[in-house]
Protein backbone atom coordinates (compact mmCIF):
# COMPACT_ATOMS: atom_id res chain seq x y z
CA MET A 1 91.40 249.52 175.96
CA SER A 2 89.01 250.00 173.04
CA ILE A 3 90.65 250.19 169.86
CA PRO A 4 88.41 251.21 167.00
CA SER A 5 89.20 250.93 163.33
CA GLU A 6 88.40 253.50 161.20
CA THR A 7 87.25 253.07 157.12
CA ALA A 8 89.71 253.58 154.12
CA PRO A 9 88.20 256.08 152.12
CA ALA A 10 86.16 254.97 149.61
CA SER A 11 86.98 254.49 145.75
CA ARG A 12 87.29 257.80 143.35
CA GLY A 13 83.91 257.61 140.97
CA GLN A 14 81.85 255.58 143.61
CA THR A 15 78.68 256.16 142.59
CA GLU A 16 76.73 255.16 145.70
CA GLN A 17 77.60 257.85 147.74
CA VAL A 18 75.15 257.67 150.36
CA HIS A 19 76.06 259.98 153.38
CA PRO A 20 76.45 263.43 154.69
CA ALA A 21 80.32 263.93 155.78
CA THR A 22 78.48 264.51 159.04
CA THR A 23 77.38 260.97 159.80
CA HIS A 24 79.34 257.97 161.37
CA LEU A 25 78.30 254.80 161.84
CA ILE A 26 80.36 252.94 164.92
CA VAL A 27 80.10 249.02 164.64
CA LEU A 28 79.52 246.85 167.50
CA PRO A 29 80.38 243.31 167.02
CA GLY A 30 78.65 240.09 169.42
CA GLY A 31 80.85 238.30 171.65
CA GLY A 32 78.08 237.45 174.33
CA TYR A 33 80.14 240.02 176.35
CA ALA A 34 83.41 237.30 176.16
CA THR A 35 84.85 238.07 173.04
CA HIS A 36 84.70 240.07 170.39
CA ALA A 37 83.29 237.46 166.48
CA THR A 38 85.93 238.99 164.35
CA HIS A 39 83.50 238.87 160.96
CA GLU A 40 81.37 241.46 163.26
CA ALA A 41 83.59 243.74 163.16
CA GLU A 42 86.95 244.87 159.67
CA PRO A 43 84.27 243.09 157.60
CA ILE A 44 80.63 244.94 158.37
CA VAL A 45 83.17 248.39 157.92
CA ALA A 46 84.69 247.31 155.35
CA TRP A 47 81.24 246.65 153.91
CA LEU A 48 80.03 249.68 155.22
CA SER A 49 82.95 251.80 153.16
CA THR A 50 81.59 250.00 149.98
CA LEU A 51 78.77 252.40 150.49
CA GLY A 52 80.97 255.99 151.43
CA LEU A 53 79.61 255.00 154.90
CA SER A 54 81.50 256.61 157.06
CA ALA A 55 82.75 253.61 159.97
CA SER A 56 84.47 252.54 162.45
CA VAL A 57 85.00 249.46 164.97
CA PHE A 58 84.53 249.37 168.70
CA ARG A 59 85.53 246.67 170.71
CA TYR A 60 83.83 247.93 174.34
CA PRO A 61 84.81 246.06 177.26
CA LEU A 62 84.42 242.69 177.99
CA HIS A 63 83.68 239.98 181.70
CA VAL A 64 83.18 243.84 183.18
CA ARG A 65 79.62 244.21 184.42
CA HIS A 66 77.08 247.23 183.54
CA PRO A 67 77.22 249.74 182.85
CA GLU A 68 80.88 249.82 181.84
CA PRO A 69 80.48 249.02 178.66
CA LEU A 70 77.58 251.50 178.15
CA VAL A 71 79.84 253.93 179.69
CA ALA A 72 82.77 252.92 177.52
CA LEU A 73 79.84 253.31 174.07
CA GLN A 74 79.13 256.21 175.01
CA ALA A 75 82.53 257.80 175.66
CA GLU A 76 83.36 256.82 171.86
CA ILE A 77 79.95 258.21 170.64
CA ARG A 78 80.60 261.65 172.12
CA ARG A 79 84.63 261.64 171.14
CA ARG A 80 83.20 261.17 167.76
CA ARG A 81 81.04 264.17 167.93
CA GLU A 82 83.85 266.49 168.51
CA GLN A 83 85.87 265.50 165.47
CA GLY A 84 82.64 266.53 163.65
CA ALA A 85 79.81 264.16 164.25
CA VAL A 86 76.23 265.19 163.66
CA ARG A 87 74.37 261.89 162.95
CA ILE A 88 75.68 258.56 164.70
CA GLY A 89 74.35 255.50 163.68
CA LEU A 90 75.37 252.71 165.23
CA ILE A 91 75.28 248.41 164.11
CA GLY A 92 75.65 245.76 166.71
CA PHE A 93 75.07 241.47 166.63
CA SER A 94 74.11 239.58 169.35
CA ALA A 95 75.78 241.08 172.73
CA GLY A 96 77.14 244.05 170.78
CA GLY A 97 73.43 244.89 169.85
CA HIS A 98 72.13 244.56 173.28
CA LEU A 99 74.77 247.07 173.69
CA ALA A 100 73.66 249.58 171.29
CA GLY A 101 70.34 248.76 171.66
CA LEU A 102 70.66 249.94 176.36
CA ALA A 103 73.20 253.03 174.20
CA ALA A 104 70.38 253.88 171.79
CA LEU A 105 68.33 254.01 174.57
CA ALA A 106 69.76 254.88 177.21
CA PRO A 107 67.17 257.15 179.06
CA GLY A 108 68.04 261.43 179.77
CA SER A 109 71.25 260.54 177.64
CA ASP A 110 73.29 263.52 177.00
CA PRO A 111 73.32 265.48 173.54
CA LEU A 112 76.34 264.42 172.71
CA GLU A 113 76.20 260.77 173.39
CA SER A 114 72.60 261.01 171.47
CA VAL A 115 72.38 257.91 168.53
CA GLN A 116 70.09 258.21 166.25
CA PHE A 117 69.21 254.95 164.90
CA ALA A 118 70.37 251.52 165.55
CA LEU A 119 70.68 248.82 163.29
CA LEU A 120 71.04 245.32 165.43
CA GLY A 121 71.40 241.51 164.07
CA TYR A 122 70.23 238.87 166.12
CA ALA A 123 70.31 240.82 168.81
CA ILE A 124 70.09 239.85 172.77
CA THR A 125 67.56 242.43 173.54
CA SER A 126 66.24 240.87 176.86
CA MET A 127 67.47 239.95 180.41
CA GLU A 128 64.87 238.78 181.73
CA THR A 129 64.16 235.60 179.84
CA GLU A 130 66.78 232.69 180.13
CA THR A 131 68.48 233.14 177.57
CA TYR A 132 71.39 234.27 176.18
CA ARG A 133 72.18 232.99 179.75
CA PRO A 134 75.95 233.20 179.48
CA ALA A 135 76.05 236.73 178.63
CA ARG A 136 72.87 238.15 181.58
CA LEU A 137 75.95 236.56 183.81
CA ILE A 138 78.87 238.29 182.82
CA LEU A 139 77.05 241.97 182.31
CA LEU A 140 75.04 241.48 185.60
CA GLY A 141 76.46 239.04 187.41
CA GLU A 142 74.45 235.90 189.36
CA SER A 143 72.30 237.17 192.24
CA ALA A 144 71.28 240.39 189.75
CA SER A 145 67.79 241.33 190.70
CA GLN A 146 64.69 241.92 188.55
CA GLN A 147 65.28 245.37 188.93
CA LEU A 148 67.80 245.26 187.16
CA ARG A 149 66.78 242.47 184.54
CA ARG A 150 64.48 244.52 183.78
CA GLN A 151 66.54 247.84 183.65
CA THR A 152 68.83 245.99 181.43
CA SER A 153 66.21 245.34 178.70
CA LEU A 154 65.91 246.69 175.70
CA ASP A 155 61.84 246.32 175.14
CA ALA A 156 61.47 248.82 179.40
CA LEU A 157 63.32 251.42 178.02
CA VAL A 158 61.87 251.94 174.58
CA THR A 159 59.36 255.92 174.88
CA GLU A 160 58.21 257.68 171.69
CA ALA A 161 61.38 259.28 171.29
CA SER A 162 63.02 256.65 170.75
CA PRO A 163 65.31 257.06 167.13
CA PRO A 164 64.57 254.80 164.05
CA PHE A 165 65.50 250.87 164.60
CA PHE A 166 66.58 248.06 161.92
CA LEU A 167 66.31 244.36 162.69
CA TRP A 168 67.24 241.55 161.36
CA HIS A 169 67.33 237.19 162.57
CA THR A 170 66.92 234.31 162.40
CA ALA A 171 63.76 231.88 162.54
CA GLU A 172 66.29 228.73 163.92
CA ASP A 173 68.66 230.87 166.03
CA ILE A 174 68.89 228.82 168.77
CA TYR A 175 71.51 230.21 171.52
CA VAL A 176 69.21 234.10 171.46
CA PRO A 177 65.81 232.91 169.75
CA PRO A 178 63.87 235.74 167.51
CA GLU A 179 61.45 236.07 170.52
CA HIS A 180 64.53 239.01 171.73
CA THR A 181 63.52 240.49 168.38
CA TYR A 182 59.80 239.87 168.67
CA ARG A 183 60.43 241.88 172.15
CA LEU A 184 61.79 244.64 170.85
CA ALA A 185 60.01 245.28 167.77
CA SER A 186 56.51 245.36 169.67
CA ALA A 187 57.51 247.65 172.08
CA LEU A 188 58.81 249.62 169.54
CA ALA A 189 54.74 249.54 168.31
CA ALA A 190 53.42 250.46 170.76
CA HIS A 191 55.11 253.50 171.08
CA GLU A 192 54.62 254.16 167.46
CA VAL A 193 58.67 254.16 166.95
CA PRO A 194 59.97 253.49 163.01
CA HIS A 195 61.69 250.25 162.50
CA THR A 196 62.22 247.60 160.20
CA VAL A 197 62.04 243.74 160.77
CA HIS A 198 63.69 240.47 159.26
CA VAL A 199 63.07 237.72 160.50
CA PHE A 200 64.45 235.08 158.33
CA ALA A 201 63.06 230.90 158.49
CA HIS A 202 66.71 229.92 157.79
CA GLY A 203 70.57 230.41 159.39
CA PRO A 204 72.11 230.04 162.38
CA HIS A 205 73.25 232.07 165.05
CA SER A 206 76.37 234.94 164.18
CA LEU A 207 75.96 234.62 160.84
CA GLY A 208 78.07 238.47 160.15
CA LEU A 209 77.30 239.98 156.43
CA ALA A 210 75.47 236.04 155.69
CA GLN A 211 77.01 235.82 152.52
CA ASP A 212 76.12 232.10 150.79
CA ALA A 213 73.57 231.75 153.50
CA GLY A 214 70.40 231.85 151.64
CA GLN A 215 67.36 234.66 152.33
CA ALA A 216 69.62 236.35 155.65
CA ALA A 217 72.06 237.23 153.28
CA ALA A 218 69.10 239.83 151.66
CA TRP A 219 69.69 240.92 155.13
CA THR A 220 72.65 244.30 153.58
CA LYS A 221 70.95 244.87 150.99
CA LEU A 222 68.20 245.82 153.26
CA ALA A 223 70.30 247.31 155.51
CA GLN A 224 71.17 249.96 152.95
CA SER A 225 68.23 250.70 152.01
CA TRP A 226 67.31 251.50 155.19
CA ILE A 227 70.59 252.97 156.09
CA THR A 228 70.87 255.35 153.02
CA GLU A 229 66.36 256.28 154.50
CA GLN A 230 67.87 257.65 158.38
CA VAL A 231 71.59 259.46 156.56
CA ARG A 232 69.91 261.33 154.14
CA MET A 233 66.84 262.92 156.95
CA PRO A 234 67.03 266.47 157.61
CA GLN A 235 69.28 266.62 161.14
CA PRO A 236 67.50 268.20 164.06
CA GLY A 237 66.41 272.10 163.63
CA THR A 238 66.86 272.73 159.98
CA PRO A 239 63.54 273.24 157.13
């Protein structure tokens, strides 16, 4: 069951309103496709609401095989569009980052399910590596073919039409090594897709907002500027 959590309205008199009302961000917590990490859910929405952004948590299906989580997320994107959202942004962490990337890069996706930008934190991007293996086994199974593993690896899905990405990671992450971010960044660069990449020297996996985590704590400030740029871009078809 998917349980979206809405933001509270921005406080009266807030000076930083960075989005038109037609932009909505969907937050996808990590957890290896086995659970939803609570510190990567509502706290992220609360942070976004302080920026004047409309956002919600989407708790995608767990312990199920691909493409069930992706289909559920695409249905949620469509639902948000039916409620008036024109621009959709995804913010995903770890396995939630993998799912966000799948939706943002889905080949031939319905325009109603399209994603305009994606922010991935220490995301699983490749199903071809042996890290993070537990998530791969849940999503694809023990006997997944090399073709299926390739088809669910984000770097294999990038095209010139892919939306902008913001990627951040830490070099000390032992569960999802920064190789995952480097793989996706290389593919984005090869296809000339706008992207921003930050790999901080220190910090473990699953930092969330990374408060009191040294240099990695800067990711929210960096992301704020990047998100502001994305939501202020003209809508397709406008001058």
